[in-house]
Amino acid sequence: MATDLDKLKGRLQALRAKTVANGCTEEEALAAAAKVAELLDQHDLSLSDLEIRQEQCEKSAIDTRRKQRQPISACVSAIAEYCDCKVWLEKDEAGIRYVFFGLRPSIEMAHYVYDVVAAALQGGWEQYVRGQRIIRHRRDEKGSFQFGMAVSIAEKLTAMKIERDEANRRSSGRDLVVVRHAIVDAEYERLNLDLRRGRASGKKVEASAFQAGQAAGQSLALRPGVPGRK
């Protein structure tokens, strides 16, 4: 089983490096997320419930090196849910970091989805700028556009998760979510974390840029695989 996990981890790392290095649109990011979810589900469906329960949970942090929350924060919870993980935010003098907690393949998948979403947010903004005759370059315009995109991505990841889980139940007769969550929830309780509910940042968004970012995401159709990548 360890060998299978290493192979899966290697495939996810290679796919992540290729997708992010090439740059990706929001459509490609979501298609890539669907692909890695398919790989993870195929791996777990090849195991018995007992074998899955023998896997280990891990913590893995993504350092933003920023003092304030970035637009991607709007979809971090959706990324965790999509990958059957827990996530929380930690903050110190070095900045904000997101800590994912779950089974090892799920953690690797969460890093992958986070990276391709971050790449898509940057690519979406650059495409938006190229299509505008006038960019006001207000300090909050880029953040507002990317925040709108992040909200759209979060909504789509949530919808994709529901569809994917239902498809797995129909095809296999098993509910992987129940098995994964039982393990993660039990291990999470043992951490005995003292977490507080976060407060809204209070930062205002530029309405037109936010709506443009949201519209850019909502217009996309999803399909498995990574379009145009080989």
C-alpha atoms as a PDB file:
ATOM      1  CA  MET A   1       0.000   0.000   0.000  1.00  0.00           C
ATOM      2  CA  ALA A   2       2.910   2.328   0.779  1.00  0.00           C
ATOM      3  CA  THR A   3       4.262   1.758  -2.724  1.00  0.00           C
ATOM      4  CA  ASP A   4       0.865   2.600  -4.236  1.00  0.00           C
ATOM      5  CA  LEU A   5       0.709   5.782  -2.154  1.00  0.00           C
ATOM      6  CA  ASP A   6       4.169   6.819  -3.310  1.00  0.00           C
ATOM      7  CA  LYS A   7       3.177   6.240  -6.935  1.00  0.00           C
ATOM      8  CA  LEU A   8       0.013   8.297  -6.500  1.00  0.00           C
ATOM      9  CA  LYS A   9       1.929  11.082  -4.766  1.00  0.00           C
ATOM     10  CA  GLY A  10       4.486  11.098  -7.562  1.00  0.00           C
ATOM     11  CA  ARG A  11       1.772  11.395 -10.226  1.00  0.00           C
ATOM     12  CA  LEU A  12       0.124  14.275  -8.395  1.00  0.00           C
ATOM     13  CA  GLN A  13       3.425  16.099  -7.927  1.00  0.00           C
ATOM     14  CA  ALA A  14       4.338  15.693 -11.589  1.00  0.00           C
ATOM     15  CA  LEU A  15       0.926  16.867 -12.766  1.00  0.00           C
ATOM     16  CA  ARG A  16       1.006  19.856 -10.405  1.00  0.00           C
ATOM     17  CA  ALA A  17       4.460  20.929 -11.560  1.00  0.00           C
ATOM     18  CA  LYS A  18       3.464  20.647 -15.219  1.00  0.00           C
ATOM     19  CA  THR A  19       0.185  22.510 -14.867  1.00  0.00           C
ATOM     20  CA  VAL A  20       1.553  25.385 -12.773  1.00  0.00           C
ATOM     21  CA  ALA A  21       4.736  25.708 -14.828  1.00  0.00           C
ATOM     22  CA  ASN A  22       2.729  26.041 -18.026  1.00  0.00           C
ATOM     23  CA  GLY A  23       0.257  28.437 -16.468  1.00  0.00           C
ATOM     24  CA  CYS A  24      -3.443  27.684 -16.519  1.00  0.00           C
ATOM     25  CA  THR A  25      -6.815  29.264 -16.995  1.00  0.00           C
ATOM     26  CA  GLU A  26      -9.643  28.805 -14.500  1.00  0.00           C
ATOM     27  CA  GLU A  27     -11.171  26.174 -16.762  1.00  0.00           C
ATOM     28  CA  GLU A  28      -7.900  24.260 -16.886  1.00  0.00           C
ATOM     29  CA  ALA A  29      -7.471  24.535 -13.110  1.00  0.00           C
ATOM     30  CA  LEU A  30     -10.897  23.044 -12.475  1.00  0.00           C
ATOM     31  CA  ALA A  31     -10.376  20.361 -15.104  1.00  0.00           C
ATOM     32  CA  ALA A  32      -7.061  19.490 -13.459  1.00  0.00           C
ATOM     33  CA  ALA A  33      -8.796  19.313 -10.069  1.00  0.00           C
ATOM     34  CA  ALA A  34     -11.286  16.862 -11.564  1.00  0.00           C
ATOM     35  CA  LYS A  35      -8.422  14.770 -12.922  1.00  0.00           C
ATOM     36  CA  VAL A  36      -6.535  14.487  -9.638  1.00  0.00           C
ATOM     37  CA  ALA A  37      -9.800  13.688  -7.835  1.00  0.00           C
ATOM     38  CA  GLU A  38     -10.317  10.852 -10.309  1.00  0.00           C
ATOM     39  CA  LEU A  39      -6.817   9.527  -9.569  1.00  0.00           C
ATOM     40  CA  LEU A  40      -7.403   9.702  -5.821  1.00  0.00           C
ATOM     41  CA  ASP A  41     -10.797   7.995  -6.012  1.00  0.00           C
ATOM     42  CA  GLN A  42      -9.433   5.227  -8.240  1.00  0.00           C
ATOM     43  CA  HIS A  43      -6.691   4.642  -5.678  1.00  0.00           C
ATOM     44  CA  ASP A  44      -9.078   4.454  -2.728  1.00  0.00           C
ATOM     45  CA  LEU A  45     -11.642   2.330  -4.560  1.00  0.00           C
ATOM     46  CA  SER A  46      -8.887  -0.224  -5.156  1.00  0.00           C
ATOM     47  CA  LEU A  47      -8.489  -0.580  -1.376  1.00  0.00           C
ATOM     48  CA  SER A  48     -10.765  -2.115   1.219  1.00  0.00           C
ATOM     49  CA  ASP A  49     -12.256   0.086   3.947  1.00  0.00           C
ATOM     50  CA  LEU A  50      -9.854  -1.556   6.411  1.00  0.00           C
ATOM     51  CA  GLU A  51      -6.842  -0.692   4.249  1.00  0.00           C
ATOM     52  CA  ILE A  52      -7.975   2.927   3.974  1.00  0.00           C
ATOM     53  CA  ARG A  53      -8.390   3.095   7.750  1.00  0.00           C
ATOM     54  CA  GLN A  54      -4.765   2.004   8.140  1.00  0.00           C
ATOM     55  CA  GLU A  55      -3.523   5.064   6.278  1.00  0.00           C
ATOM     56  CA  GLN A  56      -2.005   7.929   8.265  1.00  0.00           C
ATOM     57  CA  CYS A  57      -3.269  11.483   8.671  1.00  0.00           C
ATOM     58  CA  GLU A  58      -0.844  14.367   8.295  1.00  0.00           C
ATOM     59  CA  LYS A  59      -0.673  18.138   8.626  1.00  0.00           C
ATOM     60  CA  SER A  60       0.766  20.209   5.812  1.00  0.00           C
ATOM     61  CA  ALA A  61       1.019  23.999   5.733  1.00  0.00           C
ATOM     62  CA  ILE A  62       0.967  26.379   2.784  1.00  0.00           C
ATOM     63  CA  ASP A  63       2.766  29.604   3.663  1.00  0.00           C
ATOM     64  CA  THR A  64       1.396  32.683   1.939  1.00  0.00           C
ATOM     65  CA  ARG A  65       4.091  35.013   3.323  1.00  0.00           C
ATOM     66  CA  ARG A  66       1.406  37.690   3.447  1.00  0.00           C
ATOM     67  CA  LYS A  67       0.114  39.533   6.483  1.00  0.00           C
ATOM     68  CA  GLN A  68      -3.402  39.845   5.108  1.00  0.00           C
ATOM     69  CA  ARG A  69      -5.715  37.309   3.549  1.00  0.00           C
ATOM     70  CA  GLN A  70      -5.460  37.019  -0.204  1.00  0.00           C
ATOM     71  CA  PRO A  71      -8.346  36.419  -2.645  1.00  0.00           C
ATOM     72  CA  ILE A  72      -7.682  32.676  -2.667  1.00  0.00           C
ATOM     73  CA  SER A  73      -8.885  32.571   0.937  1.00  0.00           C
ATOM     74  CA  ALA A  74     -12.434  32.640  -0.480  1.00  0.00           C
ATOM     75  CA  CYS A  75     -12.046  29.096  -1.777  1.00  0.00           C
ATOM     76  CA  VAL A  76      -9.652  27.455   0.714  1.00  0.00           C
ATOM     77  CA  SER A  77     -12.511  25.819   2.622  1.00  0.00           C
ATOM     78  CA  ALA A  78     -13.981  24.520  -0.641  1.00  0.00           C
ATOM     79  CA  ILE A  79     -10.580  23.084  -1.590  1.00  0.00           C
ATOM     80  CA  ALA A  80     -10.386  21.255   1.741  1.00  0.00           C
ATOM     81  CA  GLU A  81     -13.908  19.865   1.366  1.00  0.00           C
ATOM     82  CA  TYR A  82     -13.216  18.829  -2.223  1.00  0.00           C
ATOM     83  CA  CYS A  83     -10.187  16.885  -1.000  1.00  0.00           C
ATOM     84  CA  ASP A  84     -11.890  15.463   2.136  1.00  0.00           C
ATOM     85  CA  CYS A  85      -9.537  17.419   4.412  1.00  0.00           C
ATOM     86  CA  LYS A  86      -9.746  19.790   7.320  1.00  0.00           C
ATOM     87  CA  VAL A  87      -8.172  23.234   7.028  1.00  0.00           C
ATOM     88  CA  TRP A  88      -7.473  26.090   9.370  1.00  0.00           C
ATOM     89  CA  LEU A  89      -5.595  29.378   9.266  1.00  0.00           C
ATOM     90  CA  GLU A  90      -2.571  30.194  11.400  1.00  0.00           C
ATOM     91  CA  LYS A  91      -0.910  33.580  11.639  1.00  0.00           C
ATOM     92  CA  ASP A  92       2.364  34.770  13.132  1.00  0.00           C
ATOM     93  CA  GLU A  93       5.104  37.279  12.356  1.00  0.00           C
ATOM     94  CA  ALA A  94       5.972  35.412   9.155  1.00  0.00           C
ATOM     95  CA  GLY A  95       2.433  35.864   7.854  1.00  0.00           C
ATOM     96  CA  ILE A  96      -0.614  33.722   7.171  1.00  0.00           C
ATOM     97  CA  ARG A  97      -0.493  30.023   6.416  1.00  0.00           C
ATOM     98  CA  TYR A  98      -3.228  27.512   5.657  1.00  0.00           C
ATOM     99  CA  VAL A  99      -2.862  24.156   7.371  1.00  0.00           C
ATOM    100  CA  PHE A 100      -4.494  21.173   5.683  1.00  0.00           C
ATOM    101  CA  PHE A 101      -5.075  18.014   7.699  1.00  0.00           C
ATOM    102  CA  GLY A 102      -6.151  14.659   6.321  1.00  0.00           C
ATOM    103  CA  LEU A 103      -5.018  11.407   4.752  1.00  0.00           C
ATOM    104  CA  ARG A 104      -1.712  11.670   2.928  1.00  0.00           C
ATOM    105  CA  PRO A 105      -3.064  11.388  -0.639  1.00  0.00           C
ATOM    106  CA  SER A 106      -5.771  13.947   0.159  1.00  0.00           C
ATOM    107  CA  ILE A 107      -3.182  16.382   1.520  1.00  0.00           C
ATOM    108  CA  GLU A 108      -1.107  16.076  -1.633  1.00  0.00           C
ATOM    109  CA  MET A 109      -4.237  16.648  -3.686  1.00  0.00           C
ATOM    110  CA  ALA A 110      -5.145  19.748  -1.637  1.00  0.00           C
ATOM    111  CA  HIS A 111      -1.720  21.265  -2.354  1.00  0.00           C
ATOM    112  CA  TYR A 112      -2.183  20.540  -6.028  1.00  0.00           C
ATOM    113  CA  VAL A 113      -5.631  22.143  -6.215  1.00  0.00           C
ATOM    114  CA  TYR A 114      -4.437  25.178  -4.213  1.00  0.00           C
ATOM    115  CA  ASP A 115      -1.509  25.720  -6.584  1.00  0.00           C
ATOM    116  CA  VAL A 116      -3.521  25.459  -9.792  1.00  0.00           C
ATOM    117  CA  VAL A 117      -6.226  27.736  -8.392  1.00  0.00           C
ATOM    118  CA  ALA A 118      -3.576  30.313  -7.460  1.00  0.00           C
ATOM    119  CA  ALA A 119      -2.156  30.083 -10.988  1.00  0.00           C
ATOM    120  CA  ALA A 120      -5.632  30.481 -12.471  1.00  0.00           C
ATOM    121  CA  LEU A 121      -6.337  33.596 -10.401  1.00  0.00           C
ATOM    122  CA  GLN A 122      -3.178  35.234 -11.701  1.00  0.00           C
ATOM    123  CA  GLY A 123      -3.851  34.114 -15.268  1.00  0.00           C
ATOM    124  CA  GLY A 124      -7.445  35.312 -15.093  1.00  0.00           C
ATOM    125  CA  TRP A 125      -6.372  38.775 -14.016  1.00  0.00           C
ATOM    126  CA  GLU A 126      -3.775  39.015 -16.782  1.00  0.00           C
ATOM    127  CA  GLN A 127      -6.334  37.974 -19.386  1.00  0.00           C
ATOM    128  CA  TYR A 128      -8.824  40.505 -18.021  1.00  0.00           C
ATOM    129  CA  VAL A 129      -6.235  43.287 -18.247  1.00  0.00           C
ATOM    130  CA  ARG A 130      -5.413  42.414 -21.846  1.00  0.00           C
ATOM    131  CA  GLY A 131      -9.092  42.638 -22.763  1.00  0.00           C
ATOM    132  CA  GLN A 132      -9.688  46.067 -21.226  1.00  0.00           C
ATOM    133  CA  ARG A 133      -9.201  49.334 -23.045  1.00  0.00           C
ATOM    134  CA  ILE A 134      -8.735  51.152 -19.735  1.00  0.00           C
ATOM    135  CA  ILE A 135      -7.438  49.754 -16.437  1.00  0.00           C
ATOM    136  CA  ARG A 136      -7.754  52.165 -13.554  1.00  0.00           C
ATOM    137  CA  HIS A 137      -5.020  50.422 -11.544  1.00  0.00           C
ATOM    138  CA  ARG A 138      -6.780  51.076  -8.296  1.00  0.00           C
ATOM    139  CA  ARG A 139      -5.066  49.240  -5.485  1.00  0.00           C
ATOM    140  CA  ASP A 140      -8.100  47.041  -4.809  1.00  0.00           C
ATOM    141  CA  GLU A 141      -9.065  46.329  -8.437  1.00  0.00           C
ATOM    142  CA  LYS A 142      -6.851  43.268  -8.908  1.00  0.00           C
ATOM    143  CA  GLY A 143      -7.790  41.843  -5.527  1.00  0.00           C
ATOM    144  CA  SER A 144     -11.491  42.409  -6.194  1.00  0.00           C
ATOM    145  CA  PHE A 145     -11.350  40.679  -9.578  1.00  0.00           C
ATOM    146  CA  GLN A 146      -9.469  37.707  -8.149  1.00  0.00           C
ATOM    147  CA  PHE A 147     -11.795  37.543  -5.162  1.00  0.00           C
ATOM    148  CA  GLY A 148     -14.735  37.306  -7.557  1.00  0.00           C
ATOM    149  CA  MET A 149     -12.959  34.498  -9.420  1.00  0.00           C
ATOM    150  CA  ALA A 150     -12.193  32.705  -6.160  1.00  0.00           C
ATOM    151  CA  VAL A 151     -15.849  32.828  -5.116  1.00  0.00           C
ATOM    152  CA  SER A 152     -16.795  31.331  -8.488  1.00  0.00           C
ATOM    153  CA  ILE A 153     -14.178  28.593  -8.169  1.00  0.00           C
ATOM    154  CA  ALA A 154     -15.388  27.730  -4.663  1.00  0.00           C
ATOM    155  CA  GLU A 155     -18.955  27.342  -5.910  1.00  0.00           C
ATOM    156  CA  LYS A 156     -17.826  25.104  -8.762  1.00  0.00           C
ATOM    157  CA  LEU A 157     -15.625  22.935  -6.560  1.00  0.00           C
ATOM    158  CA  THR A 158     -18.585  22.413  -4.230  1.00  0.00           C
ATOM    159  CA  ALA A 159     -20.823  21.402  -7.135  1.00  0.00           C
ATOM    160  CA  MET A 160     -18.115  19.140  -8.576  1.00  0.00           C
ATOM    161  CA  LYS A 161     -17.672  17.446  -5.201  1.00  0.00           C
ATOM    162  CA  ILE A 162     -21.385  16.617  -4.912  1.00  0.00           C
ATOM    163  CA  GLU A 163     -21.474  15.225  -8.451  1.00  0.00           C
ATOM    164  CA  ARG A 164     -18.277  13.222  -7.971  1.00  0.00           C
ATOM    165  CA  ASP A 165     -19.390  11.630  -4.696  1.00  0.00           C
ATOM    166  CA  GLU A 166     -22.732  10.641  -6.166  1.00  0.00           C
ATOM    167  CA  ALA A 167     -21.033   9.118  -9.223  1.00  0.00           C
ATOM    168  CA  ASN A 168     -18.726   7.066  -6.995  1.00  0.00           C
ATOM    169  CA  ARG A 169     -21.647   5.786  -4.938  1.00  0.00           C
ATOM    170  CA  ARG A 170     -23.534   4.749  -8.069  1.00  0.00           C
ATOM    171  CA  SER A 171     -20.584   3.047  -9.740  1.00  0.00           C
ATOM    172  CA  SER A 172     -19.043   1.286  -6.744  1.00  0.00           C
ATOM    173  CA  GLY A 173     -21.796   1.028  -4.144  1.00  0.00           C
ATOM    174  CA  ARG A 174     -19.335   2.504  -1.607  1.00  0.00           C
ATOM    175  CA  ASP A 175     -19.265   5.893   0.060  1.00  0.00           C
ATOM    176  CA  LEU A 176     -15.620   6.932   0.207  1.00  0.00           C
ATOM    177  CA  VAL A 177     -16.557  10.204   1.908  1.00  0.00           C
ATOM    178  CA  VAL A 178     -17.933   8.409   4.963  1.00  0.00           C
ATOM    179  CA  VAL A 179     -14.807   6.258   5.274  1.00  0.00           C
ATOM    180  CA  ARG A 180     -12.374   9.156   4.790  1.00  0.00           C
ATOM    181  CA  HIS A 181     -14.219  11.537   7.091  1.00  0.00           C
ATOM    182  CA  ALA A 182     -14.480   8.954   9.874  1.00  0.00           C
ATOM    183  CA  ILE A 183     -10.695   8.621   9.897  1.00  0.00           C
ATOM    184  CA  VAL A 184      -9.942  12.329   9.583  1.00  0.00           C
ATOM    185  CA  ASP A 185     -12.548  13.405  12.148  1.00  0.00           C
ATOM    186  CA  ALA A 186     -11.227  10.944  14.728  1.00  0.00           C
ATOM    187  CA  GLU A 187      -7.611  12.026  14.225  1.00  0.00           C
ATOM    188  CA  TYR A 188      -8.595  15.696  14.166  1.00  0.00           C
ATOM    189  CA  GLU A 189     -10.269  15.373  17.571  1.00  0.00           C
ATOM    190  CA  ARG A 190      -7.045  13.971  19.006  1.00  0.00           C
ATOM    191  CA  LEU A 191      -5.210  17.145  17.989  1.00  0.00           C
ATOM    192  CA  ASN A 192      -7.304  18.998  20.582  1.00  0.00           C
ATOM    193  CA  LEU A 193      -6.842  22.312  18.789  1.00  0.00           C
ATOM    194  CA  ASP A 194      -8.044  25.564  20.298  1.00  0.00           C
ATOM    195  CA  LEU A 195      -9.385  27.249  17.168  1.00  0.00           C
ATOM    196  CA  ARG A 196     -11.369  30.467  17.059  1.00  0.00           C
ATOM    197  CA  ARG A 197     -13.815  31.503  14.393  1.00  0.00           C
ATOM    198  CA  GLY A 198     -12.186  34.043  12.110  1.00  0.00           C
ATOM    199  CA  ARG A 199     -13.578  37.513  11.583  1.00  0.00           C
ATOM    200  CA  ALA A 200     -14.253  39.122   8.258  1.00  0.00           C
ATOM    201  CA  SER A 201     -11.366  41.282   7.092  1.00  0.00           C
ATOM    202  CA  GLY A 202     -13.637  44.267   6.523  1.00  0.00           C
ATOM    203  CA  LYS A 203     -11.775  45.056   3.317  1.00  0.00           C
ATOM    204  CA  LYS A 204     -13.960  46.617   0.651  1.00  0.00           C
ATOM    205  CA  VAL A 205     -14.051  45.292  -2.884  1.00  0.00           C
ATOM    206  CA  GLU A 206     -14.350  47.212  -6.138  1.00  0.00           C
ATOM    207  CA  ALA A 207     -17.784  46.076  -7.321  1.00  0.00           C
ATOM    208  CA  SER A 208     -17.275  46.105 -11.089  1.00  0.00           C
ATOM    209  CA  ALA A 209     -13.964  44.207 -10.883  1.00  0.00           C
ATOM    210  CA  PHE A 210     -15.477  41.660  -8.475  1.00  0.00           C
ATOM    211  CA  GLN A 211     -18.425  41.080 -10.808  1.00  0.00           C
ATOM    212  CA  ALA A 212     -16.089  40.745 -13.796  1.00  0.00           C
ATOM    213  CA  GLY A 213     -14.080  38.100 -11.967  1.00  0.00           C
ATOM    214  CA  GLN A 214     -17.215  36.230 -10.963  1.00  0.00           C
ATOM    215  CA  ALA A 215     -18.584  36.374 -14.512  1.00  0.00           C
ATOM    216  CA  ALA A 216     -15.295  35.073 -15.907  1.00  0.00           C
ATOM    217  CA  GLY A 217     -15.646  31.975 -13.761  1.00  0.00           C
ATOM    218  CA  GLN A 218     -19.356  31.404 -14.218  1.00  0.00           C
ATOM    219  CA  SER A 219     -19.091  31.338 -18.010  1.00  0.00           C
ATOM    220  CA  LEU A 220     -16.832  28.298 -18.029  1.00  0.00           C
ATOM    221  CA  ALA A 221     -17.840  24.723 -18.819  1.00  0.00           C
ATOM    222  CA  LEU A 222     -16.038  21.937 -16.964  1.00  0.00           C
ATOM    223  CA  ARG A 223     -14.669  18.709 -18.331  1.00  0.00           C
ATOM    224  CA  PRO A 224     -12.175  16.135 -17.002  1.00  0.00           C
ATOM    225  CA  GLY A 225      -8.529  16.251 -18.009  1.00  0.00           C
ATOM    226  CA  VAL A 226      -6.326  19.230 -18.665  1.00  0.00           C
ATOM    227  CA  PRO A 227      -7.217  20.900 -21.996  1.00  0.00           C
ATOM    228  CA  GLY A 228      -4.279  21.378 -24.313  1.00  0.00           C
ATOM    229  CA  ARG A 229      -1.761  19.746 -21.953  1.00  0.00           C
ATOM    230  CA  LYS A 230       0.217  16.648 -22.837  1.00  0.00           C
END
